Amino acid sequence: MLAQPWREIEITLTAENDYPSPYTNVDVWAEFTLDAGITLRRPAFWDGGRVWKIRFTSPVAAGRWAWHSFSSVEDAGLAGQSGELVCAAGSPTEQRFERHGFWRMSPGGRNLVHADGTPALLVADTAWALPWRATEQQCRIYATDRQAKGFNAVLLMSVQPDMHARGPRDRTADEGFDIGFDDLSGGHINQLNPAYFQYLDRLIAILVEHAIAPVLQPVFQGFGWKGLSVAGTVVPPAEYARYCRYLVARYGARPAIYLVGADGAGDEPQVHAGGEEIELWDTYGQPVGIHYRPHADNRAWQAASWLDFQWCQTGHSGEHIPERVADMWRNTPAKGVANGEPTYENGGAPGRATGWWQGHEAWCNLCAGGTMGVVYGAGSLWQWRLHPAEPGHAPYFLAEGAGWREALDFEGSRYVGRIARMLDGLPIADIAPNWQVTLGRRGLLVPNKLYIGYTAEGGPLMLFGTQVPRQYRVMDPRTGAVLHQGTRATTDNEIPDTGGGPRVYICYDEA
């Protein structure tokens, strides 16, 4: 079988026997050994009937992989199977994950980098309910829009988490939703529905095709979809961990981030059990972390080896609270930091957190220490409200008069999405907040390599010391336009004013 670096291949195994509860009772995995001596292990996933599948991506550009399968049961169709993959460079591609590899954490643990070391900034949207509500056509519309605006990730609840949610099993019907586990309504996740995940395969493939990495949350611990008793704090930790392994098996040979805890205190036993399981089975080192409710202290499991990042949430009242991010930055051991859920645009009230509010929020969080990236959300989009009049959703989170499609066009998303493009190609790995090289301005510094400054009302920008590169450009973050650029003389400590309005200053000697 032929393979290309950083592109998923799939191997199908067929069991000789039928098994009751194959999802819970049969474990299958494979080891892939490169002719140079590297061995990688990948879990298989049950895909219905007697079928198990193994998905694998070669992290090296060329070589021969020999694979062998193993199973917890004696079944010649599952254990003892073998084969070879020959990996060679494929055709040139502009898809960033195929060119540079999957995301992992930077050497200092503060930022994202690709497998080849290329720095990256997460710019994520929030479409929690897409997996069980969106159709393939809708997902393609969504992915096309978000890619065009600059987003490179999206937060997803992998299954509908509310135990008491009721509605038709239909993605196109009012209050309808597809179901990942038939027993989730009873507080368990043992009766897996393969057809649901086969559909989710196609949705995630569309996202990845558009260079948007899924941020996969197993089962929510907080509000959920409609606030109807989430299962994430109820399911036994062993079941939660098994499902985390399943997500790694099914989606871990594609770009992914694992949000093992979401909207809770973070110290739930399910979170730790899931994090450990992901660390055990994810051979590519893709990031794993926690997203907290607004009134958490945001430092659960801080020293755990499986934990890569901590994301706060600042609530939905329209306040800018970047000190939450700054507080998390100080926690040790060092982890990646971001505000994973600022106020949703138009969420709960027309005009709340709209337009440039979202851009200002993102730049403030980034400069305060949220250097893993920025996250955006819109009312009616995150819960994938089918149309502006669909009933059954909590008004507190809805955008009045909008379904998911209308919310896709809210103005603020343009300003957040643009950030990744403005900083693309810069050496941002392990950039840190800095207040010493400017006169009271928000900024980030990689000493002697890069300075990024943000002002809400323009300049001038005063700079001190020798750690800031002298070549600069001044940009309008609302448009991405370069307003002024030049090189400071050795004795010049000021970048001149370019008029009122928000400004981003990038100091980087590009020669």
Protein backbone atom coordinates (compact mmCIF):
# COMPACT_ATOMS: atom_id res chain seq x y z
CA MET A 1 0.00 0.00 0.00
CA LEU A 2 1.27 3.48 -0.89
CA ALA A 3 1.19 6.34 1.60
CA GLN A 4 2.12 10.01 1.65
CA PRO A 5 3.50 11.94 4.63
CA TRP A 6 0.86 13.48 6.89
CA ARG A 7 -2.02 12.01 4.87
CA GLU A 8 -4.30 9.44 6.44
CA ILE A 9 -4.51 5.87 5.19
CA GLU A 10 -7.03 3.29 6.40
CA ILE A 11 -6.67 -0.45 6.99
CA THR A 12 -9.78 -2.61 7.43
CA LEU A 13 -9.85 -5.74 9.58
CA THR A 14 -12.75 -8.19 9.56
CA ALA A 15 -13.35 -10.37 12.61
CA GLU A 16 -13.97 -14.09 12.15
CA ASN A 17 -16.50 -14.10 14.99
CA ASP A 18 -19.45 -12.05 16.17
CA TYR A 19 -19.13 -10.38 19.59
CA PRO A 20 -21.73 -9.04 21.97
CA SER A 21 -20.95 -5.39 22.70
CA PRO A 22 -17.85 -5.22 20.47
CA TYR A 23 -17.22 -1.55 21.32
CA THR A 24 -16.78 -2.32 25.01
CA ASN A 25 -15.47 -5.89 24.93
CA VAL A 26 -12.87 -6.04 22.15
CA ASP A 27 -9.67 -4.00 21.94
CA VAL A 28 -7.69 -3.97 18.69
CA TRP A 29 -4.51 -2.09 17.82
CA ALA A 30 -1.58 -2.17 15.43
CA GLU A 31 2.11 -1.40 15.58
CA PHE A 32 3.81 0.33 12.65
CA THR A 33 7.59 -0.07 12.43
CA LEU A 34 9.66 2.04 10.06
CA ASP A 35 12.64 0.45 8.35
CA ALA A 36 14.75 3.01 10.24
CA GLY A 37 13.60 1.49 13.53
CA ILE A 38 10.81 3.81 14.76
CA THR A 39 7.67 2.06 16.07
CA LEU A 40 4.30 3.80 16.36
CA ARG A 41 1.17 2.27 17.88
CA ARG A 42 -2.33 3.09 16.68
CA PRO A 43 -5.61 1.89 18.24
CA ALA A 44 -8.30 0.50 15.94
CA PHE A 45 -11.98 1.40 16.20
CA TRP A 46 -15.08 -0.71 15.78
CA ASP A 47 -17.12 0.45 12.80
CA GLY A 48 -20.13 -1.86 13.00
CA GLY A 49 -20.70 -5.57 12.46
CA ARG A 50 -17.42 -7.46 12.28
CA VAL A 51 -15.45 -4.46 10.98
CA TRP A 52 -12.56 -2.72 12.76
CA LYS A 53 -10.48 0.00 11.13
CA ILE A 54 -6.99 1.33 11.72
CA ARG A 55 -6.09 4.83 10.58
CA PHE A 56 -2.46 5.83 10.27
CA THR A 57 -0.45 8.80 9.07
CA SER A 58 3.26 8.64 8.33
CA PRO A 59 5.14 11.44 10.12
CA VAL A 60 8.22 10.85 7.95
CA ALA A 61 8.58 11.83 4.32
CA ALA A 62 9.87 8.52 2.98
CA GLY A 63 10.35 4.96 4.16
CA ARG A 64 8.77 1.54 4.47
CA TRP A 65 6.41 0.78 7.36
CA ALA A 66 5.65 -2.79 8.39
CA TRP A 67 2.48 -3.18 10.45
CA HIS A 68 1.11 -5.97 12.65
CA SER A 69 -2.26 -6.13 14.40
CA PHE A 70 -3.10 -7.26 17.93
CA SER A 71 -6.34 -7.96 19.77
CA SER A 72 -7.62 -8.62 23.27
CA VAL A 73 -9.50 -11.66 21.91
CA GLU A 74 -8.24 -14.64 19.95
CA ASP A 75 -9.55 -13.85 16.51
CA ALA A 76 -7.43 -14.44 13.41
CA GLY A 77 -9.25 -11.68 11.55
CA LEU A 78 -8.19 -9.08 14.12
CA ALA A 79 -4.90 -10.30 15.57
CA GLY A 80 -1.89 -11.40 13.54
CA GLN A 81 -2.75 -9.44 10.43
CA SER A 82 0.17 -7.65 8.78
CA GLY A 83 1.25 -5.65 5.77
CA GLU A 84 3.52 -2.92 4.47
CA LEU A 85 3.16 0.75 3.65
CA VAL A 86 5.60 2.51 1.37
CA CYS A 87 5.68 6.22 2.08
CA ALA A 88 6.90 8.71 -0.51
CA ALA A 89 6.43 12.43 -0.98
CA GLY A 90 3.21 13.24 -2.78
CA SER A 91 2.25 16.08 -5.04
CA PRO A 92 2.86 19.61 -3.70
CA THR A 93 0.06 20.90 -1.50
CA GLU A 94 -0.90 24.19 0.10
CA GLN A 95 -2.77 22.44 2.92
CA ARG A 96 -0.76 23.47 5.98
CA PHE A 97 -1.16 20.21 7.88
CA GLU A 98 0.00 18.15 4.91
CA ARG A 99 2.98 20.45 4.31
CA HIS A 100 4.14 20.90 7.89
CA GLY A 101 2.52 18.08 9.89
CA PHE A 102 0.09 18.09 12.78
CA TRP A 103 0.11 20.58 15.62
CA ARG A 104 1.96 19.97 18.86
CA MET A 105 3.14 22.26 21.64
CA SER A 106 6.24 24.44 21.26
CA PRO A 107 9.45 23.57 23.17
CA GLY A 108 8.47 25.95 25.97
CA GLY A 109 4.91 24.63 26.05
CA ARG A 110 3.26 28.00 25.39
CA ASN A 111 2.37 27.94 21.71
CA LEU A 112 1.49 25.67 18.83
CA VAL A 113 4.02 24.49 16.29
CA HIS A 114 3.66 22.05 13.44
CA ALA A 115 5.61 18.79 13.50
CA ASP A 116 8.36 20.36 11.40
CA GLY A 117 8.70 23.26 13.87
CA THR A 118 6.75 25.85 11.88
CA PRO A 119 5.04 28.18 14.40
CA ALA A 120 1.25 28.40 14.39
CA LEU A 121 -1.44 30.42 16.14
CA LEU A 122 -4.78 28.77 16.86
CA VAL A 123 -7.67 30.91 15.60
CA ALA A 124 -10.75 28.91 16.52
CA ASP A 125 -14.46 29.26 15.97
CA THR A 126 -17.13 27.74 18.22
CA ALA A 127 -19.63 25.43 16.51
CA TRP A 128 -20.24 23.05 19.39
CA ALA A 129 -23.35 21.38 17.94
CA LEU A 130 -22.17 20.92 14.35
CA PRO A 131 -21.43 17.17 14.77
CA TRP A 132 -25.04 16.15 15.47
CA ARG A 133 -26.97 18.94 13.71
CA ALA A 134 -25.16 19.95 10.51
CA THR A 135 -25.58 18.26 7.16
CA GLU A 136 -22.65 17.76 4.82
CA GLN A 137 -23.86 20.60 2.60
CA GLN A 138 -24.17 22.93 5.58
CA CYS A 139 -20.74 21.93 6.85
CA ARG A 140 -19.21 22.76 3.50
CA ILE A 141 -20.81 26.21 3.54
CA TYR A 142 -19.53 26.72 7.06
CA ALA A 143 -15.98 25.52 6.34
CA THR A 144 -15.69 27.61 3.18
CA ASP A 145 -16.70 30.75 5.07
CA ARG A 146 -14.43 30.15 8.04
CA GLN A 147 -11.40 29.25 5.94
CA ALA A 148 -11.89 32.39 3.85
CA LYS A 149 -11.92 34.50 7.02
CA GLY A 150 -8.74 32.88 8.37
CA PHE A 151 -9.98 30.41 10.99
CA ASN A 152 -7.93 27.23 11.37
CA ALA A 153 -9.78 25.35 14.14
CA VAL A 154 -13.29 24.78 15.47
CA LEU A 155 -14.55 23.69 18.91
CA LEU A 156 -16.89 20.70 18.66
CA MET A 157 -18.88 18.64 21.16
CA SER A 158 -18.36 15.23 19.60
CA VAL A 159 -21.81 14.03 20.74
CA GLN A 160 -25.00 15.70 21.96
CA PRO A 161 -24.34 15.64 25.75
CA ASP A 162 -27.69 16.44 27.39
CA MET A 163 -29.28 13.38 28.97
CA HIS A 164 -32.75 14.97 28.95
CA ALA A 165 -32.70 16.45 25.45
CA ARG A 166 -35.62 15.19 23.37
CA GLY A 167 -36.34 15.54 19.67
CA PRO A 168 -36.56 13.65 16.41
CA ARG A 169 -33.49 11.74 15.28
CA ASP A 170 -33.21 14.02 12.30
CA ARG A 171 -30.62 16.70 11.53
CA THR A 172 -33.08 18.65 9.37
CA ALA A 173 -36.06 18.75 11.78
CA ASP A 174 -36.75 21.41 14.40
CA GLU A 175 -35.21 20.34 17.72
CA GLY A 176 -33.82 17.23 16.01
CA PHE A 177 -30.38 15.74 16.49
CA ASP A 178 -28.39 12.64 15.66
CA ILE A 179 -27.26 10.33 18.45
CA GLY A 180 -23.76 8.99 19.06
CA PHE A 181 -24.59 6.67 21.99
CA ASP A 182 -28.02 5.12 22.44
CA ASP A 183 -27.54 4.88 26.22
CA LEU A 184 -26.25 8.43 26.86
CA SER A 185 -29.70 9.51 28.09
CA GLY A 186 -29.20 7.06 30.97
CA GLY A 187 -25.76 8.35 31.93
CA HIS A 188 -23.67 5.78 30.03
CA ILE A 189 -21.74 5.69 26.75
CA ASN A 190 -21.47 1.99 25.96
CA GLN A 191 -23.98 1.58 23.11
CA LEU A 192 -22.10 3.28 20.30
CA ASN A 193 -23.89 4.06 17.04
CA PRO A 194 -21.40 3.49 14.16
CA ALA A 195 -23.62 5.29 11.63
CA TYR A 196 -23.37 8.51 13.65
CA PHE A 197 -19.58 8.43 13.57
CA GLN A 198 -19.51 7.49 9.89
CA TYR A 199 -21.45 10.70 9.23
CA LEU A 200 -19.13 12.62 11.55
CA ASP A 201 -16.19 11.24 9.54
CA ARG A 202 -17.52 13.05 6.50
CA LEU A 203 -18.10 16.31 8.38
CA ILE A 204 -14.59 16.32 9.84
CA ALA A 205 -13.13 15.43 6.44
CA ILE A 206 -14.76 18.59 5.06
CA LEU A 207 -13.27 20.69 7.87
CA VAL A 208 -9.79 19.23 7.40
CA GLU A 209 -10.05 19.70 3.62
CA HIS A 210 -10.45 23.40 4.45
CA ALA A 211 -7.42 23.30 6.82
CA ILE A 212 -9.65 23.60 9.89
CA ALA A 213 -8.59 21.33 12.76
CA PRO A 214 -11.38 19.89 14.94
CA VAL A 215 -11.06 20.58 18.66
CA LEU A 216 -12.77 17.43 19.89
CA GLN A 217 -14.61 17.42 23.21
CA PRO A 218 -15.75 13.92 24.31
CA VAL A 219 -18.81 14.56 26.55
CA PHE A 220 -19.46 18.03 27.96
CA GLN A 221 -19.19 18.75 31.69
CA GLY A 222 -20.94 22.15 31.74
CA PHE A 223 -24.07 23.69 30.27
CA GLY A 224 -24.20 21.38 27.28
CA TRP A 225 -26.51 22.00 24.33
CA LYS A 226 -29.69 23.09 26.13
CA GLY A 227 -28.72 22.80 29.78
CA LEU A 228 -30.59 19.53 30.22
CA SER A 229 -28.31 17.50 32.52
CA VAL A 230 -25.01 16.81 30.79
CA ALA A 231 -23.62 13.29 30.90
CA GLY A 232 -19.97 14.35 31.15
CA THR A 233 -20.04 14.46 34.95
CA VAL A 234 -22.15 11.29 35.26
CA VAL A 235 -20.65 8.64 32.99
CA PRO A 236 -18.12 6.42 34.79
CA PRO A 237 -14.53 7.54 34.22
CA ALA A 238 -13.64 4.19 32.62
CA GLU A 239 -16.36 4.72 29.99
CA TYR A 240 -15.17 8.27 29.40
CA ALA A 241 -11.58 7.05 28.94
CA ARG A 242 -12.67 4.34 26.51
CA TYR A 243 -14.46 6.92 24.41
CA CYS A 244 -11.37 9.16 24.43
CA ARG A 245 -9.40 6.22 23.03
CA TYR A 246 -12.08 5.77 20.38
CA LEU A 247 -11.75 9.42 19.32
CA VAL A 248 -7.97 9.03 19.08
CA ALA A 249 -8.44 5.87 17.00
CA ARG A 250 -11.03 7.37 14.67
CA TYR A 251 -9.72 10.92 14.27
CA GLY A 252 -6.15 10.93 15.58
CA ALA A 253 -4.54 10.28 12.18
CA ARG A 254 -5.89 13.66 11.08
CA PRO A 255 -5.16 17.12 12.53
CA ALA A 256 -6.87 17.34 15.93
CA ILE A 257 -6.85 18.91 19.36
CA TYR A 258 -8.40 17.11 22.33
CA LEU A 259 -10.47 19.21 24.74
CA VAL A 260 -10.74 16.53 27.39
CA GLY A 261 -12.65 18.78 29.83
CA ALA A 262 -15.14 21.50 28.94
CA ASP A 263 -17.19 24.08 30.82
CA GLY A 264 -16.66 22.42 34.19
CA ALA A 265 -14.34 22.86 37.17
CA GLY A 266 -11.71 20.77 35.38
CA ASP A 267 -11.08 18.47 38.33
CA GLU A 268 -13.79 15.99 37.37
CA PRO A 269 -12.45 12.40 37.49
CA GLN A 270 -13.59 11.87 33.89
CA VAL A 271 -11.18 14.59 32.75
CA HIS A 272 -8.11 12.98 34.28
CA ALA A 273 -9.08 9.49 33.10
CA GLY A 274 -9.61 10.77 29.57
CA GLY A 275 -6.38 12.76 29.53
CA GLU A 276 -4.33 9.78 30.61
CA GLU A 277 -5.95 7.58 27.94
CA ILE A 278 -5.24 10.08 25.18
CA GLU A 279 -1.62 10.36 26.27
CA LEU A 280 -1.35 6.56 26.20
CA TRP A 281 -2.70 6.14 22.66
CA ASP A 282 -1.99 9.35 20.73
CA THR A 283 1.26 8.63 18.92
CA TYR A 284 1.46 12.07 17.27
CA GLY A 285 1.55 14.26 20.40
CA GLN A 286 -1.44 16.38 19.43
CA PRO A 287 -2.42 18.93 22.12
CA VAL A 288 -4.67 17.95 25.04
CA GLY A 289 -6.24 20.43 27.45
CA ILE A 290 -9.13 21.77 29.48
CA HIS A 291 -11.69 24.53 28.88
CA TYR A 292 -13.24 25.89 32.10
CA ARG A 293 -16.53 27.40 33.22
CA PRO A 294 -16.39 31.15 34.02
CA HIS A 295 -16.12 30.70 37.81
CA ALA A 296 -13.25 28.18 37.90
CA ASP A 297 -9.66 28.76 39.00
CA ASN A 298 -8.38 27.29 35.72
CA ARG A 299 -5.49 25.20 37.01
CA ALA A 300 -6.75 21.65 37.56
CA TRP A 301 -4.22 18.90 36.82
CA GLN A 302 -1.61 21.59 36.14
CA ALA A 303 1.31 19.23 36.69
CA ALA A 304 -0.18 16.27 34.77
CA SER A 305 2.02 14.98 31.97
CA TRP A 306 -0.98 14.62 29.66
CA LEU A 307 -2.03 18.29 30.04
CA ASP A 308 -0.78 20.70 27.38
CA PHE A 309 -3.07 23.72 27.74
CA GLN A 310 -5.55 25.55 29.97
CA TRP A 311 -8.37 27.67 28.52
CA CYS A 312 -10.43 30.00 30.68
CA GLN A 313 -13.92 31.29 29.92
CA THR A 314 -14.88 34.89 30.68
CA GLY A 315 -18.66 34.52 30.54
CA HIS A 316 -21.20 36.13 28.25
CA SER A 317 -21.91 39.59 29.66
CA GLY A 318 -19.81 41.54 27.19
CA GLU A 319 -16.93 42.43 29.51
CA HIS A 320 -13.25 42.40 28.58
CA ILE A 321 -11.41 40.46 31.31
CA PRO A 322 -7.91 39.70 29.97
CA GLU A 323 -6.60 39.43 33.54
CA ARG A 324 -8.06 35.90 33.61
CA VAL A 325 -5.57 34.96 30.89
CA ALA A 326 -2.71 36.82 32.60
CA ASP A 327 -3.44 34.96 35.85
CA MET A 328 -3.28 31.58 34.09
CA TRP A 329 0.03 32.47 32.46
CA ARG A 330 1.66 32.60 35.89
CA ASN A 331 0.69 29.03 36.81
CA THR A 332 3.43 26.40 36.77
CA PRO A 333 4.43 24.09 35.23
CA ALA A 334 4.00 26.22 32.10
CA LYS A 335 1.10 25.30 29.83
CA GLY A 336 -0.45 26.83 26.76
CA VAL A 337 -3.04 29.50 27.60
CA ALA A 338 -6.05 31.02 25.83
CA ASN A 339 -9.48 32.45 26.52
CA GLY A 340 -11.51 29.57 25.12
CA GLU A 341 -14.88 31.31 25.33
CA PRO A 342 -15.31 35.09 25.32
CA THR A 343 -18.81 36.55 25.02
CA TYR A 344 -20.70 35.19 22.03
CA GLU A 345 -21.41 37.85 19.42
CA ASN A 346 -25.06 38.95 19.73
CA GLY A 347 -25.50 36.24 22.36
CA GLY A 348 -28.59 36.86 24.49
CA ALA A 349 -29.14 40.47 23.40
CA PRO A 350 -28.90 42.30 20.07
CA GLY A 351 -25.68 44.28 19.86
CA ARG A 352 -23.88 42.46 22.66
CA ALA A 353 -20.15 41.97 21.97
CA THR A 354 -20.58 42.82 18.30
CA GLY A 355 -18.23 43.96 15.58
CA TRP A 356 -14.86 45.30 16.65
CA TRP A 357 -15.58 44.26 20.28
CA GLN A 358 -14.51 40.79 19.15
CA GLY A 359 -11.30 42.01 17.55
CA HIS A 360 -10.31 44.07 20.57
CA GLU A 361 -11.09 41.12 22.85
CA ALA A 362 -8.90 38.78 20.82
CA TRP A 363 -5.89 41.10 20.70
CA CYS A 364 -6.18 41.88 24.42
CA ASN A 365 -6.29 38.20 25.34
CA LEU A 366 -3.39 37.38 23.04
CA CYS A 367 -1.16 40.09 24.49
CA ALA A 368 -2.12 39.22 28.08
CA GLY A 369 -0.66 35.75 27.69
CA GLY A 370 -3.17 33.81 25.61
CA THR A 371 -0.40 32.99 23.18
CA MET A 372 -1.76 29.57 22.20
CA GLY A 373 -4.38 31.47 20.20
CA VAL A 374 -7.75 33.17 20.14
CA VAL A 375 -11.32 31.83 20.09
CA TYR A 376 -14.52 33.37 18.72
CA GLY A 377 -18.16 32.44 19.19
CA ALA A 378 -21.54 33.61 17.90
CA GLY A 379 -25.02 33.21 19.34
CA SER A 380 -27.23 30.78 17.36
CA LEU A 381 -24.15 29.39 15.60
CA TRP A 382 -22.64 27.43 18.49
CA GLN A 383 -25.91 25.53 19.07
CA TRP A 384 -26.48 25.26 15.28
CA ARG A 385 -29.98 26.71 15.38
CA LEU A 386 -31.47 25.49 12.13
CA HIS A 387 -33.32 28.71 11.26
CA PRO A 388 -34.19 32.02 12.97
CA ALA A 389 -37.51 30.74 14.33
CA GLU A 390 -36.47 27.27 15.53
CA PRO A 391 -37.92 26.78 19.04
CA GLY A 392 -36.50 25.01 22.05
CA HIS A 393 -33.26 26.92 22.71
CA ALA A 394 -32.35 28.93 25.79
CA PRO A 395 -32.80 32.64 24.92
CA TYR A 396 -29.76 33.61 27.01
CA PHE A 397 -27.41 32.24 24.34
CA LEU A 398 -29.37 32.90 21.15
CA ALA A 399 -28.81 35.69 18.67
CA GLU A 400 -32.24 37.18 18.14
CA GLY A 401 -33.56 36.63 14.62
CA ALA A 402 -30.68 34.40 13.55
CA GLY A 403 -30.06 30.77 12.78
CA TRP A 404 -26.62 29.31 12.21
CA ARG A 405 -26.44 30.64 8.65
CA GLU A 406 -27.25 34.23 9.60
CA ALA A 407 -24.83 34.10 12.52
CA LEU A 408 -22.08 33.00 10.17
CA ASP A 409 -22.07 36.53 8.77
CA PHE A 410 -21.71 38.44 12.04
CA GLU A 411 -19.11 41.17 11.63
CA GLY A 412 -16.86 40.25 14.55
CA SER A 413 -15.77 36.95 13.02
CA ARG A 414 -13.85 38.84 10.32
CA TYR A 415 -11.64 40.61 12.86
CA VAL A 416 -10.78 37.46 14.82
CA GLY A 417 -10.17 35.31 11.76
CA ARG A 418 -7.78 37.88 10.32
CA ILE A 419 -5.28 37.54 13.19
CA ALA A 420 -3.69 34.30 11.96
CA ARG A 421 -2.97 35.86 8.57
CA MET A 422 -1.51 39.02 10.06
CA LEU A 423 0.96 36.96 12.09
CA ASP A 424 1.58 34.19 9.58
CA GLY A 425 5.24 33.40 9.00
CA LEU A 426 6.48 35.20 12.11
CA PRO A 427 8.66 33.37 14.70
CA ILE A 428 5.98 33.42 17.41
CA ALA A 429 6.98 30.14 19.12
CA ASP A 430 7.19 30.76 22.89
CA ILE A 431 6.52 34.46 22.54
CA ALA A 432 5.76 35.98 25.97
CA PRO A 433 3.88 39.00 27.36
CA ASN A 434 6.18 41.93 28.00
CA TRP A 435 5.65 45.32 29.66
CA GLN A 436 9.30 46.37 29.93
CA VAL A 437 10.11 47.33 26.34
CA THR A 438 7.21 49.77 25.88
CA LEU A 439 5.58 52.58 27.79
CA GLY A 440 2.48 50.85 29.18
CA ARG A 441 1.40 49.15 25.95
CA ARG A 442 0.14 45.62 25.45
CA GLY A 443 2.80 43.52 23.78
CA LEU A 444 4.54 40.21 23.20
CA LEU A 445 8.26 39.63 22.81
CA VAL A 446 10.70 37.06 21.55
CA PRO A 447 13.92 38.85 22.56
CA ASN A 448 15.95 40.11 19.60
CA LYS A 449 13.60 38.35 17.14
CA LEU A 450 10.05 39.71 17.31
CA TYR A 451 7.84 42.22 19.07
CA ILE A 452 4.07 42.41 18.58
CA GLY A 453 2.29 45.38 20.11
CA TYR A 454 -1.38 46.34 20.26
CA THR A 455 -2.94 49.71 21.04
CA ALA A 456 -6.66 50.39 21.10
CA GLU A 457 -6.40 54.02 19.98
CA GLY A 458 -3.24 54.35 17.94
CA GLY A 459 0.27 55.54 18.68
CA PRO A 460 2.91 56.67 18.87
CA LEU A 461 4.67 53.61 20.29
CA MET A 462 7.64 54.22 22.56
CA LEU A 463 10.23 51.41 22.75
CA PHE A 464 13.09 50.85 25.20
CA GLY A 465 16.23 48.75 25.28
CA THR A 466 17.84 46.69 22.55
CA GLN A 467 15.65 43.59 22.46
CA VAL A 468 13.11 44.91 19.94
CA PRO A 469 14.07 44.55 16.26
CA ARG A 470 14.35 47.88 14.47
CA GLN A 471 12.44 47.01 11.31
CA TYR A 472 8.70 47.55 11.80
CA ARG A 473 5.30 47.75 10.20
CA VAL A 474 2.11 49.30 11.57
CA MET A 475 -1.17 47.56 10.66
CA ASP A 476 -4.86 48.27 11.07
CA PRO A 477 -6.25 45.07 12.65
CA ARG A 478 -9.73 45.88 11.35
CA THR A 479 -8.60 45.56 7.74
CA GLY A 480 -5.17 43.92 7.83
CA ALA A 481 -3.77 46.86 5.87
CA VAL A 482 -0.17 48.02 6.40
CA LEU A 483 -0.39 51.72 7.24
CA HIS A 484 3.29 52.48 7.66
CA GLN A 485 6.58 50.62 7.68
CA GLY A 486 10.21 51.41 8.07
CA THR A 487 13.35 50.87 10.10
CA ARG A 488 14.13 52.77 13.29
CA ALA A 489 17.51 54.42 13.49
CA THR A 490 19.82 53.23 16.27
CA THR A 491 18.98 56.29 18.36
CA ASP A 492 15.24 56.30 17.57
CA ASN A 493 12.92 54.83 20.22
CA GLU A 494 9.60 55.81 18.68
CA ILE A 495 7.33 54.42 15.99
CA PRO A 496 5.29 57.43 14.83
CA ASP A 497 1.56 57.91 15.13
CA THR A 498 -0.55 56.82 12.16
CA GLY A 499 -3.79 58.40 13.33
CA GLY A 500 -6.51 57.25 15.69
CA GLY A 501 -7.93 53.74 15.84
CA PRO A 502 -6.63 50.33 16.86
CA ARG A 503 -3.12 49.51 15.70
CA VAL A 504 -0.87 46.45 15.65
CA TYR A 505 2.90 46.97 15.60
CA ILE A 506 5.11 44.19 14.30
CA CYS A 507 8.83 44.64 14.82
CA TYR A 508 10.79 41.97 12.97
CA ASP A 509 13.99 42.13 10.96
CA GLU A 510 12.93 40.11 7.91
CA ALA A 511 16.19 40.38 5.96
